[in-house]
Amino acid sequence: MQKAVWKPITASAIKGEKMILITGGSASGKSSYAEKEAVRLSEGGPLYYVAAMKPYGPKAQARISRHRRQRDGRGFISCEA
């Protein structure tokens, strides 16, 4: 299993803010890692979450539901693309 990695990038569209791109293989822990890092780095600021997984079957739908539960109550503003 490939581990998730992070790379800080500067987004010129967001003044003075930092975005972190997390990449990795399927089911490698990207979401869990990203959520923990976001909460740690947010310092009480807003947390935005862009979820892009498509529910292509029952297993995918179960993962999406699990991810939603993981984010629940942690302060994320979610956008499901």
C-alpha atoms as a PDB file:
ATOM      1  CA  MET A   1       0.000   0.000   0.000  1.00  0.00           C
ATOM      2  CA  GLN A   2       1.353   3.402  -1.004  1.00  0.00           C
ATOM      3  CA  LYS A   3       1.455   5.984   1.811  1.00  0.00           C
ATOM      4  CA  ALA A   4      -0.136   9.407   1.451  1.00  0.00           C
ATOM      5  CA  VAL A   5       2.281  12.295   0.939  1.00  0.00           C
ATOM      6  CA  TRP A   6       1.806  16.034   1.238  1.00  0.00           C
ATOM      7  CA  LYS A   7       3.224  18.913  -0.736  1.00  0.00           C
ATOM      8  CA  PRO A   8       2.644  22.544   0.272  1.00  0.00           C
ATOM      9  CA  ILE A   9       1.748  24.776  -2.660  1.00  0.00           C
ATOM     10  CA  THR A  10       0.920  28.458  -2.784  1.00  0.00           C
ATOM     11  CA  ALA A  11      -2.368  29.350  -4.437  1.00  0.00           C
ATOM     12  CA  SER A  12      -2.297  32.851  -5.858  1.00  0.00           C
ATOM     13  CA  ALA A  13      -6.097  32.950  -5.826  1.00  0.00           C
ATOM     14  CA  ILE A  14      -6.084  32.739  -2.020  1.00  0.00           C
ATOM     15  CA  LYS A  15      -4.187  35.671  -0.556  1.00  0.00           C
ATOM     16  CA  GLY A  16      -1.612  34.595   1.988  1.00  0.00           C
ATOM     17  CA  GLU A  17      -3.149  31.169   2.534  1.00  0.00           C
ATOM     18  CA  LYS A  18      -1.459  27.816   2.045  1.00  0.00           C
ATOM     19  CA  MET A  19      -2.921  24.800   0.302  1.00  0.00           C
ATOM     20  CA  ILE A  20      -1.548  21.317   0.776  1.00  0.00           C
ATOM     21  CA  LEU A  21      -1.930  18.697  -1.930  1.00  0.00           C
ATOM     22  CA  ILE A  22      -2.080  15.129  -0.601  1.00  0.00           C
ATOM     23  CA  THR A  23      -1.568  12.314  -3.061  1.00  0.00           C
ATOM     24  CA  GLY A  24      -1.474   8.547  -2.734  1.00  0.00           C
ATOM     25  CA  GLY A  25      -2.965   5.320  -3.923  1.00  0.00           C
ATOM     26  CA  SER A  26      -6.534   4.176  -3.476  1.00  0.00           C
ATOM     27  CA  ALA A  27      -7.421   3.537   0.188  1.00  0.00           C
ATOM     28  CA  SER A  28      -3.933   4.628   1.332  1.00  0.00           C
ATOM     29  CA  GLY A  29      -5.113   6.829   4.215  1.00  0.00           C
ATOM     30  CA  LYS A  30      -5.174  10.184   2.387  1.00  0.00           C
ATOM     31  CA  SER A  31      -8.474  11.344   3.846  1.00  0.00           C
ATOM     32  CA  SER A  32      -7.652  10.455   7.429  1.00  0.00           C
ATOM     33  CA  TYR A  33      -4.195  12.030   7.163  1.00  0.00           C
ATOM     34  CA  ALA A  34      -5.544  15.165   5.493  1.00  0.00           C
ATOM     35  CA  GLU A  35      -8.281  15.659   8.074  1.00  0.00           C
ATOM     36  CA  LYS A  36      -5.846  15.360  10.984  1.00  0.00           C
ATOM     37  CA  GLU A  37      -3.381  17.769   9.367  1.00  0.00           C
ATOM     38  CA  ALA A  38      -6.117  20.265   8.504  1.00  0.00           C
ATOM     39  CA  VAL A  39      -7.412  20.345  12.065  1.00  0.00           C
ATOM     40  CA  ARG A  40      -3.854  20.635  13.417  1.00  0.00           C
ATOM     41  CA  LEU A  41      -2.895  23.469  11.073  1.00  0.00           C
ATOM     42  CA  SER A  42      -6.179  25.397  11.126  1.00  0.00           C
ATOM     43  CA  GLU A  43      -5.552  27.227  14.414  1.00  0.00           C
ATOM     44  CA  GLY A  44      -9.307  27.643  14.782  1.00  0.00           C
ATOM     45  CA  GLY A  45      -9.791  28.997  11.266  1.00  0.00           C
ATOM     46  CA  PRO A  46     -12.253  27.640   8.706  1.00  0.00           C
ATOM     47  CA  LEU A  47     -11.748  24.119   7.363  1.00  0.00           C
ATOM     48  CA  TYR A  48     -12.772  23.474   3.750  1.00  0.00           C
ATOM     49  CA  TYR A  49     -13.088  19.930   2.409  1.00  0.00           C
ATOM     50  CA  VAL A  50     -13.478  19.099  -1.288  1.00  0.00           C
ATOM     51  CA  ALA A  51     -14.641  15.501  -1.733  1.00  0.00           C
ATOM     52  CA  ALA A  52     -14.414  14.189  -5.283  1.00  0.00           C
ATOM     53  CA  MET A  53     -15.027  10.433  -5.052  1.00  0.00           C
ATOM     54  CA  LYS A  54     -17.857   9.186  -7.240  1.00  0.00           C
ATOM     55  CA  PRO A  55     -20.216   6.560  -5.761  1.00  0.00           C
ATOM     56  CA  TYR A  56     -19.572   3.963  -8.503  1.00  0.00           C
ATOM     57  CA  GLY A  57     -20.911   1.023  -6.468  1.00  0.00           C
ATOM     58  CA  PRO A  58     -21.828  -0.240  -2.993  1.00  0.00           C
ATOM     59  CA  LYS A  59     -18.206  -0.337  -1.745  1.00  0.00           C
ATOM     60  CA  ALA A  60     -17.577   3.220  -2.913  1.00  0.00           C
ATOM     61  CA  GLN A  61     -20.815   4.412  -1.331  1.00  0.00           C
ATOM     62  CA  ALA A  62     -19.773   2.774   1.949  1.00  0.00           C
ATOM     63  CA  ARG A  63     -16.393   4.582   1.828  1.00  0.00           C
ATOM     64  CA  ILE A  64     -18.108   7.900   1.123  1.00  0.00           C
ATOM     65  CA  SER A  65     -20.434   7.356   4.080  1.00  0.00           C
ATOM     66  CA  ARG A  66     -17.461   6.491   6.317  1.00  0.00           C
ATOM     67  CA  HIS A  67     -15.606   9.619   5.208  1.00  0.00           C
ATOM     68  CA  ARG A  68     -18.665  11.764   5.946  1.00  0.00           C
ATOM     69  CA  ARG A  69     -18.866  10.273   9.456  1.00  0.00           C
ATOM     70  CA  GLN A  70     -15.137  10.923   9.992  1.00  0.00           C
ATOM     71  CA  ARG A  71     -15.614  14.629   9.150  1.00  0.00           C
ATOM     72  CA  ASP A  72     -18.812  15.018  11.143  1.00  0.00           C
ATOM     73  CA  GLY A  73     -18.437  17.375  14.095  1.00  0.00           C
ATOM     74  CA  ARG A  74     -14.858  18.389  13.246  1.00  0.00           C
ATOM     75  CA  GLY A  75     -15.750  21.776  11.761  1.00  0.00           C
ATOM     76  CA  PHE A  76     -15.319  21.043   8.071  1.00  0.00           C
ATOM     77  CA  ILE A  77     -17.246  22.953   5.419  1.00  0.00           C
ATOM     78  CA  SER A  78     -17.676  20.237   2.790  1.00  0.00           C
ATOM     79  CA  CYS A  79     -18.103  20.536  -0.949  1.00  0.00           C
ATOM     80  CA  GLU A  80     -18.860  17.273  -2.706  1.00  0.00           C
ATOM     81  CA  ALA A  81     -17.780  17.662  -6.322  1.00  0.00           C
END
